[in-house]
């Protein structure tokens, strides 16, 4: 739908800013993109981002719940457990999820790199007394597809465009 702008001196037709772009709910990442993101994070040695990405895929938690995870929830004895249970902030219901071997290894590597035992959060923020905020998570290079107005929902983790060069509808088919 074109928008007409009339000016006294001349008339021109402008196109909407989202013409030709996908609107609405975005399709989930295909497995090849998930593996590409994991491989890139491993090559760049970004252990925190790899643990965050893998845990988001395994748990399917919202972003606010994911960044607020405590070490005691995921790794109570110093190493990651097979299953975890977390109470969602939005609904108040507990969510139980399984943590894959690859994710457990990424969490253990992240915890060994973190080293500070005084921080209770799995993903500490800039201020060591609190957890990583959703804004800090977005600035760290790991983006999200959001479905809430405030941008706090994390349904599908997305990585910056350097991983997937083309996100056209033709390249999003699951193979």
N, C-alpha and C. Protein backbone atom coordinates (compact mmCIF):
# COMPACT_ATOMS: atom_id res chain seq x y z
N UNK A 1 0.84 -1.16 0.00
CA UNK A 1 0.00 0.00 0.00
C UNK A 1 0.89 1.23 0.00
N UNK A 2 0.76 2.05 -1.02
CA UNK A 2 1.60 3.22 -1.14
C UNK A 2 1.00 4.40 -0.40
N UNK A 3 1.88 5.22 0.16
CA UNK A 3 1.46 6.42 0.86
C UNK A 3 1.79 7.61 -0.03
N UNK A 4 0.82 8.46 -0.26
CA UNK A 4 1.05 9.64 -1.09
C UNK A 4 1.32 10.83 -0.20
N UNK A 5 2.39 11.54 -0.50
CA UNK A 5 2.74 12.75 0.23
C UNK A 5 2.59 13.92 -0.73
N UNK A 6 1.73 14.87 -0.38
CA UNK A 6 1.50 16.03 -1.24
C UNK A 6 2.20 17.23 -0.63
N UNK A 7 3.01 17.87 -1.43
CA UNK A 7 3.72 19.07 -1.03
C UNK A 7 3.27 20.20 -1.94
N UNK A 8 3.43 21.40 -1.51
CA UNK A 8 2.99 22.53 -2.32
C UNK A 8 3.81 22.64 -3.60
N UNK A 9 5.10 22.37 -3.54
CA UNK A 9 5.94 22.56 -4.71
C UNK A 9 5.90 21.38 -5.67
N UNK A 10 5.86 20.17 -5.12
CA UNK A 10 5.83 19.01 -6.00
C UNK A 10 5.15 17.84 -5.27
N UNK A 11 4.77 16.86 -6.04
CA UNK A 11 4.12 15.68 -5.49
C UNK A 11 4.99 14.47 -5.78
N UNK A 12 5.20 13.63 -4.78
CA UNK A 12 5.99 12.43 -4.98
C UNK A 12 5.34 11.28 -4.23
N UNK A 13 5.65 10.08 -4.66
CA UNK A 13 5.11 8.87 -4.05
C UNK A 13 6.23 8.21 -3.25
N UNK A 14 5.96 7.91 -1.99
CA UNK A 14 6.94 7.21 -1.16
C UNK A 14 6.42 5.83 -0.83
N UNK A 15 7.33 4.92 -0.65
CA UNK A 15 6.95 3.56 -0.33
C UNK A 15 7.07 3.34 1.17
N UNK A 16 6.27 2.44 1.71
CA UNK A 16 6.40 2.12 3.14
C UNK A 16 7.78 1.57 3.45
N UNK A 17 8.24 1.79 4.69
CA UNK A 17 9.58 1.37 5.09
C UNK A 17 9.72 -0.15 5.11
N UNK A 18 8.62 -0.87 5.29
CA UNK A 18 8.72 -2.33 5.41
C UNK A 18 8.24 -3.06 4.15
N UNK A 19 8.19 -2.37 3.02
CA UNK A 19 7.76 -3.03 1.80
C UNK A 19 8.81 -4.07 1.38
N UNK A 20 8.37 -5.29 1.15
CA UNK A 20 9.26 -6.36 0.76
C UNK A 20 9.90 -7.10 1.92
N UNK A 21 9.68 -6.65 3.15
CA UNK A 21 10.26 -7.31 4.32
C UNK A 21 9.24 -8.25 4.94
N UNK A 22 9.74 -9.26 5.62
CA UNK A 22 8.85 -10.19 6.31
C UNK A 22 8.27 -9.50 7.53
N UNK A 23 6.97 -9.56 7.68
CA UNK A 23 6.33 -9.00 8.86
C UNK A 23 5.67 -10.14 9.63
N UNK A 24 5.38 -9.88 10.88
CA UNK A 24 4.74 -10.89 11.71
C UNK A 24 5.76 -11.82 12.34
N UNK A 25 5.31 -13.00 12.75
CA UNK A 25 6.17 -13.97 13.41
C UNK A 25 7.21 -14.50 12.42
N UNK A 26 8.45 -14.56 12.87
CA UNK A 26 9.53 -15.06 12.03
C UNK A 26 9.67 -16.57 12.23
N UNK A 27 10.06 -17.28 11.19
CA UNK A 27 10.26 -18.72 11.33
C UNK A 27 11.47 -19.01 12.22
N UNK A 28 11.48 -20.15 12.90
CA UNK A 28 12.63 -20.50 13.73
C UNK A 28 13.87 -20.75 12.88
N UNK A 29 15.01 -20.68 13.53
CA UNK A 29 16.26 -20.96 12.83
C UNK A 29 16.30 -22.41 12.39
N UNK A 30 16.82 -22.63 11.21
CA UNK A 30 16.97 -24.00 10.75
C UNK A 30 18.18 -24.61 11.45
N UNK A 31 18.24 -25.93 11.53
CA UNK A 31 19.37 -26.57 12.22
C UNK A 31 20.74 -26.18 11.67
N UNK A 32 20.84 -25.94 10.36
CA UNK A 32 22.15 -25.57 9.81
C UNK A 32 22.59 -24.21 10.32
N UNK A 33 21.66 -23.27 10.55
CA UNK A 33 22.01 -21.97 11.11
C UNK A 33 22.39 -22.09 12.58
N UNK A 34 21.70 -22.96 13.31
CA UNK A 34 22.04 -23.17 14.72
C UNK A 34 23.47 -23.69 14.82
N UNK A 35 23.82 -24.66 13.98
CA UNK A 35 25.17 -25.22 14.01
C UNK A 35 26.20 -24.20 13.55
N UNK A 36 25.82 -23.35 12.58
CA UNK A 36 26.74 -22.30 12.12
C UNK A 36 27.02 -21.30 13.24
N UNK A 37 26.01 -20.95 14.00
CA UNK A 37 26.18 -20.02 15.11
C UNK A 37 27.06 -20.64 16.18
N UNK A 38 26.78 -21.91 16.53
CA UNK A 38 27.60 -22.59 17.54
C UNK A 38 29.06 -22.67 17.11
N UNK A 39 29.29 -23.03 15.86
CA UNK A 39 30.66 -23.15 15.36
C UNK A 39 31.37 -21.81 15.40
N UNK A 40 30.69 -20.77 14.99
CA UNK A 40 31.30 -19.43 15.00
C UNK A 40 31.64 -18.97 16.41
N UNK A 41 30.73 -19.21 17.35
CA UNK A 41 31.00 -18.83 18.74
C UNK A 41 32.17 -19.64 19.32
N UNK A 42 32.28 -20.91 18.95
CA UNK A 42 33.40 -21.72 19.41
C UNK A 42 34.72 -21.24 18.83
N UNK A 43 34.72 -20.89 17.54
CA UNK A 43 35.94 -20.41 16.90
C UNK A 43 36.40 -19.07 17.48
N UNK A 44 35.43 -18.23 17.84
CA UNK A 44 35.75 -16.92 18.42
C UNK A 44 36.06 -17.02 19.91
N UNK A 45 35.89 -18.22 20.48
CA UNK A 45 36.12 -18.48 21.91
C UNK A 45 35.28 -17.57 22.80
N UNK A 46 34.04 -17.38 22.42
CA UNK A 46 33.08 -16.59 23.20
C UNK A 46 32.27 -17.56 24.06
N UNK A 47 32.86 -17.97 25.15
CA UNK A 47 32.29 -19.02 25.98
C UNK A 47 30.97 -18.61 26.62
N UNK A 48 30.88 -17.37 27.10
CA UNK A 48 29.63 -16.92 27.71
C UNK A 48 28.49 -16.92 26.69
N UNK A 49 28.75 -16.37 25.49
CA UNK A 49 27.72 -16.31 24.47
C UNK A 49 27.32 -17.70 23.99
N UNK A 50 28.28 -18.60 23.91
CA UNK A 50 27.98 -19.98 23.52
C UNK A 50 27.10 -20.66 24.56
N UNK A 51 27.43 -20.48 25.84
CA UNK A 51 26.62 -21.06 26.91
C UNK A 51 25.22 -20.45 26.91
N UNK A 52 25.14 -19.15 26.70
CA UNK A 52 23.84 -18.46 26.66
C UNK A 52 23.00 -18.95 25.49
N UNK A 53 23.61 -19.06 24.32
CA UNK A 53 22.90 -19.53 23.13
C UNK A 53 22.41 -20.96 23.30
N UNK A 54 23.32 -21.86 23.72
CA UNK A 54 22.95 -23.27 23.88
C UNK A 54 21.86 -23.45 24.94
N UNK A 55 21.97 -22.72 26.03
CA UNK A 55 20.97 -22.82 27.09
C UNK A 55 19.62 -22.28 26.63
N UNK A 56 19.63 -21.25 25.81
CA UNK A 56 18.38 -20.71 25.27
C UNK A 56 17.71 -21.73 24.36
N UNK A 57 18.49 -22.40 23.54
CA UNK A 57 17.93 -23.41 22.64
C UNK A 57 17.36 -24.58 23.45
N UNK A 58 18.09 -25.05 24.46
CA UNK A 58 17.64 -26.19 25.25
C UNK A 58 16.43 -25.86 26.11
N UNK A 59 16.43 -24.71 26.75
CA UNK A 59 15.41 -24.41 27.75
C UNK A 59 14.15 -23.76 27.18
N UNK A 60 14.29 -23.02 26.07
CA UNK A 60 13.18 -22.25 25.48
C UNK A 60 12.61 -21.24 26.47
N UNK A 61 13.46 -20.73 27.36
CA UNK A 61 13.04 -19.73 28.34
C UNK A 61 12.98 -18.35 27.70
N UNK A 62 12.19 -17.46 28.29
CA UNK A 62 12.19 -16.06 27.88
C UNK A 62 13.53 -15.44 28.25
N UNK A 63 13.87 -14.36 27.58
CA UNK A 63 15.15 -13.69 27.80
C UNK A 63 15.34 -13.24 29.23
N UNK A 64 14.28 -12.68 29.85
CA UNK A 64 14.41 -12.19 31.22
C UNK A 64 14.66 -13.35 32.18
N UNK A 65 14.11 -14.51 31.91
CA UNK A 65 14.34 -15.68 32.76
C UNK A 65 15.71 -16.28 32.51
N UNK A 66 16.15 -16.25 31.26
CA UNK A 66 17.43 -16.83 30.88
C UNK A 66 18.60 -16.07 31.50
N UNK A 67 18.58 -14.73 31.41
CA UNK A 67 19.70 -13.96 31.95
C UNK A 67 19.68 -13.90 33.47
N UNK A 68 18.55 -14.23 34.08
CA UNK A 68 18.44 -14.22 35.54
C UNK A 68 18.73 -15.56 36.19
N UNK A 69 19.20 -16.54 35.42
CA UNK A 69 19.50 -17.86 35.99
C UNK A 69 20.64 -17.77 37.00
N UNK A 70 20.49 -18.52 38.07
CA UNK A 70 21.53 -18.57 39.10
C UNK A 70 22.37 -19.83 38.89
N UNK A 71 23.60 -19.75 39.35
CA UNK A 71 24.49 -20.90 39.25
C UNK A 71 23.90 -22.09 40.00
N UNK A 72 23.23 -21.81 41.13
CA UNK A 72 22.63 -22.87 41.92
C UNK A 72 21.51 -23.60 41.17
N UNK A 73 20.88 -22.94 40.19
CA UNK A 73 19.81 -23.57 39.41
C UNK A 73 20.37 -24.56 38.38
N UNK A 74 21.51 -24.22 37.79
CA UNK A 74 22.04 -24.99 36.67
C UNK A 74 23.25 -25.84 37.08
N UNK A 75 24.11 -25.30 37.93
CA UNK A 75 25.33 -26.01 38.33
C UNK A 75 25.50 -25.92 39.84
N UNK A 76 24.67 -26.63 40.60
CA UNK A 76 24.71 -26.49 42.07
C UNK A 76 26.00 -27.01 42.71
N UNK A 77 26.66 -27.98 42.11
CA UNK A 77 27.86 -28.57 42.70
C UNK A 77 29.12 -28.20 41.93
N UNK A 78 29.04 -27.13 41.14
CA UNK A 78 30.20 -26.69 40.39
C UNK A 78 30.23 -27.17 38.96
N UNK A 79 29.35 -28.08 38.60
CA UNK A 79 29.25 -28.54 37.22
C UNK A 79 27.78 -28.63 36.84
N UNK A 80 27.49 -28.50 35.56
CA UNK A 80 26.11 -28.45 35.08
C UNK A 80 25.40 -29.79 35.26
N UNK A 81 24.13 -29.74 35.63
CA UNK A 81 23.32 -30.93 35.85
C UNK A 81 22.59 -31.32 34.56
N UNK A 82 22.02 -32.54 34.54
CA UNK A 82 21.31 -33.04 33.36
C UNK A 82 19.97 -32.34 33.14
N UNK A 83 19.26 -32.08 34.24
CA UNK A 83 17.94 -31.45 34.18
C UNK A 83 17.89 -30.30 35.17
N UNK A 84 17.13 -29.27 34.80
CA UNK A 84 16.99 -28.12 35.68
C UNK A 84 15.52 -27.70 35.72
N UNK A 85 15.16 -27.03 36.79
CA UNK A 85 13.81 -26.52 36.95
C UNK A 85 13.91 -25.06 37.37
N UNK A 86 13.21 -24.19 36.63
CA UNK A 86 13.26 -22.75 36.88
C UNK A 86 11.83 -22.23 36.90
N UNK A 87 11.55 -21.32 37.82
CA UNK A 87 10.23 -20.69 37.89
C UNK A 87 10.22 -19.46 36.97
N UNK A 88 9.27 -19.44 36.03
CA UNK A 88 9.18 -18.33 35.09
C UNK A 88 8.72 -17.06 35.80
N UNK A 89 9.31 -15.95 35.41
CA UNK A 89 8.95 -14.68 36.03
C UNK A 89 7.57 -14.21 35.57
N UNK A 90 7.23 -14.42 34.30
CA UNK A 90 5.97 -13.93 33.76
C UNK A 90 4.77 -14.71 34.27
N UNK A 91 4.85 -16.03 34.25
CA UNK A 91 3.71 -16.86 34.61
C UNK A 91 3.77 -17.37 36.04
N UNK A 92 4.95 -17.44 36.63
CA UNK A 92 5.11 -17.99 37.97
C UNK A 92 5.12 -19.51 38.02
N UNK A 93 5.05 -20.13 36.85
CA UNK A 93 5.04 -21.60 36.80
C UNK A 93 6.45 -22.15 36.65
N UNK A 94 6.70 -23.29 37.27
CA UNK A 94 8.03 -23.89 37.09
C UNK A 94 8.15 -24.57 35.73
N UNK A 95 9.31 -24.44 35.14
CA UNK A 95 9.60 -25.07 33.85
C UNK A 95 10.77 -26.02 34.06
N UNK A 96 10.58 -27.25 33.65
CA UNK A 96 11.63 -28.26 33.78
C UNK A 96 12.15 -28.55 32.38
N UNK A 97 13.47 -28.56 32.23
CA UNK A 97 14.06 -28.80 30.92
C UNK A 97 15.33 -29.62 31.06
N UNK A 98 15.66 -30.32 29.98
CA UNK A 98 16.87 -31.13 29.94
C UNK A 98 17.99 -30.32 29.31
N UNK A 99 19.19 -30.47 29.84
CA UNK A 99 20.36 -29.77 29.31
C UNK A 99 21.22 -30.79 28.58
N UNK A 100 21.47 -30.55 27.30
CA UNK A 100 22.24 -31.50 26.50
C UNK A 100 23.71 -31.50 26.91
N UNK A 101 24.42 -32.53 26.49
CA UNK A 101 25.84 -32.67 26.83
C UNK A 101 26.65 -31.48 26.31
N UNK A 102 26.35 -31.04 25.09
CA UNK A 102 27.07 -29.92 24.50
C UNK A 102 26.85 -28.63 25.31
N UNK A 103 25.63 -28.43 25.77
CA UNK A 103 25.33 -27.26 26.58
C UNK A 103 25.99 -27.35 27.96
N UNK A 104 25.97 -28.54 28.55
CA UNK A 104 26.64 -28.71 29.85
C UNK A 104 28.13 -28.40 29.75
N UNK A 105 28.75 -28.84 28.65
CA UNK A 105 30.18 -28.56 28.45
C UNK A 105 30.41 -27.06 28.29
N UNK A 106 29.53 -26.38 27.53
CA UNK A 106 29.67 -24.93 27.34
C UNK A 106 29.49 -24.19 28.66
N UNK A 107 28.54 -24.64 29.49
CA UNK A 107 28.32 -24.00 30.79
C UNK A 107 29.52 -24.23 31.70
N UNK A 108 30.05 -25.45 31.72
CA UNK A 108 31.23 -25.74 32.55
C UNK A 108 32.43 -24.91 32.11
N UNK A 109 32.62 -24.76 30.80
CA UNK A 109 33.72 -23.94 30.29
C UNK A 109 33.53 -22.47 30.70
N UNK A 110 32.29 -22.00 30.59
CA UNK A 110 31.98 -20.61 30.97
C UNK A 110 32.23 -20.39 32.47
N UNK A 111 31.82 -21.34 33.29
CA UNK A 111 32.02 -21.21 34.74
C UNK A 111 33.50 -21.25 35.12
N UNK A 112 34.28 -22.08 34.42
CA UNK A 112 35.71 -22.13 34.72
C UNK A 112 36.40 -20.84 34.29
N UNK A 113 35.93 -20.24 33.21
CA UNK A 113 36.50 -18.96 32.76
C UNK A 113 36.07 -17.82 33.69
N UNK A 114 34.82 -17.88 34.17
CA UNK A 114 34.29 -16.83 35.04
C UNK A 114 35.08 -16.79 36.35
N UNK A 115 35.25 -17.94 36.97
CA UNK A 115 36.11 -18.06 38.13
C UNK A 115 35.65 -17.42 39.42
N UNK A 116 34.85 -16.35 39.38
CA UNK A 116 34.44 -15.64 40.59
C UNK A 116 33.31 -16.40 41.28
N UNK A 117 33.59 -16.95 42.46
CA UNK A 117 32.59 -17.73 43.18
C UNK A 117 31.58 -16.86 43.94
N UNK A 118 31.88 -15.58 44.11
CA UNK A 118 30.99 -14.72 44.89
C UNK A 118 29.76 -14.27 44.11
N UNK A 119 29.77 -14.40 42.78
CA UNK A 119 28.64 -13.98 41.96
C UNK A 119 27.63 -15.12 41.88
N UNK A 120 26.38 -14.89 42.30
CA UNK A 120 25.40 -15.99 42.29
C UNK A 120 24.79 -16.27 40.92
N UNK A 121 24.96 -15.36 39.96
CA UNK A 121 24.29 -15.50 38.66
C UNK A 121 25.18 -16.21 37.64
N UNK A 122 24.54 -17.01 36.79
CA UNK A 122 25.26 -17.72 35.75
C UNK A 122 25.83 -16.75 34.72
N UNK A 123 25.08 -15.69 34.42
CA UNK A 123 25.51 -14.67 33.48
C UNK A 123 25.51 -13.32 34.19
N UNK A 124 26.60 -12.99 34.91
CA UNK A 124 26.63 -11.72 35.64
C UNK A 124 26.69 -10.53 34.69
N UNK A 125 26.16 -9.40 35.17
CA UNK A 125 26.17 -8.18 34.37
C UNK A 125 27.40 -7.36 34.62
N UNK A 126 27.35 -6.12 34.16
CA UNK A 126 28.48 -5.21 34.35
C UNK A 126 28.73 -4.96 35.82
N UNK A 127 27.65 -4.77 36.55
CA UNK A 127 27.75 -4.62 38.00
C UNK A 127 27.68 -6.04 38.57
N UNK A 128 28.72 -6.46 39.24
CA UNK A 128 28.82 -7.86 39.64
C UNK A 128 27.74 -8.29 40.62
N UNK A 129 27.01 -7.34 41.22
CA UNK A 129 25.97 -7.70 42.17
C UNK A 129 24.68 -8.15 41.49
N UNK A 130 24.53 -7.89 40.19
CA UNK A 130 23.30 -8.25 39.50
C UNK A 130 23.59 -9.13 38.29
N UNK A 131 22.52 -9.63 37.69
CA UNK A 131 22.66 -10.48 36.51
C UNK A 131 22.69 -9.63 35.24
N UNK A 132 23.02 -10.26 34.15
CA UNK A 132 23.03 -9.63 32.85
C UNK A 132 21.62 -9.18 32.53
N UNK A 133 21.45 -7.95 32.07
CA UNK A 133 20.11 -7.47 31.72
C UNK A 133 19.83 -7.81 30.26
N UNK A 134 18.56 -7.70 29.88
CA UNK A 134 18.21 -8.01 28.50
C UNK A 134 18.84 -7.02 27.55
N UNK A 135 19.02 -5.77 27.95
CA UNK A 135 19.69 -4.79 27.09
C UNK A 135 21.17 -5.13 26.93
N UNK A 136 21.82 -5.56 28.01
CA UNK A 136 23.22 -5.96 27.91
C UNK A 136 23.37 -7.20 27.05
N UNK A 137 22.38 -8.10 27.10
CA UNK A 137 22.41 -9.31 26.28
C UNK A 137 22.35 -8.93 24.81
N UNK A 138 21.52 -7.97 24.45
CA UNK A 138 21.43 -7.54 23.05
C UNK A 138 22.71 -6.86 22.60
N UNK A 139 23.34 -6.11 23.47
CA UNK A 139 24.57 -5.40 23.11
C UNK A 139 25.76 -6.34 23.01
N UNK A 140 25.64 -7.53 23.57
CA UNK A 140 26.78 -8.45 23.57
C UNK A 140 26.99 -9.16 22.23
N UNK A 141 26.09 -8.93 21.28
CA UNK A 141 26.25 -9.57 19.97
C UNK A 141 25.30 -10.71 19.75
N UNK A 142 24.57 -11.13 20.77
CA UNK A 142 23.57 -12.17 20.61
C UNK A 142 22.23 -11.48 20.60
N UNK A 143 21.55 -11.51 19.47
CA UNK A 143 20.26 -10.84 19.34
C UNK A 143 19.13 -11.82 19.52
N UNK A 144 17.91 -11.31 19.48
CA UNK A 144 16.76 -12.17 19.68
C UNK A 144 15.66 -11.81 18.72
N UNK A 145 14.77 -12.73 18.54
CA UNK A 145 13.50 -12.45 17.90
C UNK A 145 12.52 -12.27 19.04
N UNK A 146 11.86 -11.13 19.12
CA UNK A 146 10.98 -10.85 20.24
C UNK A 146 9.53 -10.90 19.80
N UNK A 147 8.66 -11.31 20.69
CA UNK A 147 7.24 -11.28 20.39
C UNK A 147 6.46 -10.48 21.42
N UNK A 148 7.11 -9.82 22.33
CA UNK A 148 6.46 -8.93 23.28
C UNK A 148 6.75 -7.50 22.90
N UNK A 149 5.88 -6.59 23.31
CA UNK A 149 6.07 -5.18 23.01
C UNK A 149 7.34 -4.63 23.64
N UNK A 150 7.66 -5.05 24.86
CA UNK A 150 8.83 -4.49 25.55
C UNK A 150 10.13 -5.17 25.13
N UNK A 151 10.06 -6.19 24.30
CA UNK A 151 11.27 -6.82 23.79
C UNK A 151 11.93 -7.77 24.77
N UNK A 152 11.20 -8.24 25.78
CA UNK A 152 11.84 -9.09 26.78
C UNK A 152 11.70 -10.58 26.49
N UNK A 153 10.90 -10.94 25.51
CA UNK A 153 10.68 -12.36 25.26
C UNK A 153 11.76 -12.93 24.37
N UNK A 154 12.20 -14.11 24.72
CA UNK A 154 13.25 -14.77 23.94
C UNK A 154 12.70 -16.10 23.48
N UNK A 155 12.09 -16.12 22.29
CA UNK A 155 11.56 -17.38 21.81
C UNK A 155 12.56 -18.08 20.91
N UNK A 156 13.28 -17.32 20.11
CA UNK A 156 14.28 -17.90 19.23
C UNK A 156 15.50 -17.00 19.27
N UNK A 157 16.65 -17.59 19.63
CA UNK A 157 17.87 -16.79 19.66
C UNK A 157 18.30 -16.53 18.22
N UNK A 158 18.71 -15.32 17.96
CA UNK A 158 19.23 -14.96 16.65
C UNK A 158 20.62 -14.36 16.82
N UNK A 159 21.48 -14.64 15.93
CA UNK A 159 22.83 -14.10 15.98
C UNK A 159 22.92 -12.96 14.98
N UNK A 160 23.88 -12.11 15.10
CA UNK A 160 24.01 -10.97 14.21
C UNK A 160 24.19 -11.42 12.77
N UNK A 161 23.93 -10.54 11.87
CA UNK A 161 23.81 -10.92 10.46
C UNK A 161 25.10 -11.48 9.87
N UNK A 162 26.21 -11.40 10.56
CA UNK A 162 27.45 -11.93 10.00
C UNK A 162 27.44 -13.44 9.89
N UNK A 163 26.57 -14.11 10.64
CA UNK A 163 26.52 -15.57 10.58
C UNK A 163 25.73 -16.03 9.37
N UNK A 164 24.57 -15.44 9.17
CA UNK A 164 23.72 -15.86 8.07
C UNK A 164 23.66 -14.72 7.06
N UNK A 165 24.37 -14.82 5.96
CA UNK A 165 24.45 -13.73 5.01
C UNK A 165 23.13 -13.41 4.35
N UNK A 166 22.30 -14.38 4.10
CA UNK A 166 21.04 -14.13 3.42
C UNK A 166 19.89 -14.71 4.23
N UNK A 167 18.95 -13.87 4.61
CA UNK A 167 17.79 -14.34 5.36
C UNK A 167 16.52 -14.13 4.53
N UNK A 168 16.63 -14.35 3.22
CA UNK A 168 15.47 -14.20 2.35
C UNK A 168 14.54 -15.39 2.58
N UNK A 169 13.25 -15.26 2.20
CA UNK A 169 12.32 -16.38 2.41
C UNK A 169 12.76 -17.67 1.72
N UNK A 170 13.46 -17.55 0.57
CA UNK A 170 13.90 -18.75 -0.12
C UNK A 170 14.98 -19.49 0.66
N UNK A 171 15.83 -18.75 1.41
CA UNK A 171 16.93 -19.41 2.13
C UNK A 171 16.52 -19.92 3.49
N UNK A 172 15.26 -19.70 3.89
CA UNK A 172 14.81 -20.13 5.21
C UNK A 172 14.11 -21.47 5.20
N UNK A 173 14.09 -22.14 4.06
CA UNK A 173 13.46 -23.45 4.01
C UNK A 173 14.28 -24.45 4.79
N UNK A 174 13.61 -25.28 5.58
CA UNK A 174 14.31 -26.30 6.36
C UNK A 174 14.62 -27.46 5.44
N UNK A 175 15.88 -27.86 5.46
CA UNK A 175 16.30 -28.91 4.54
C UNK A 175 16.53 -30.18 5.27
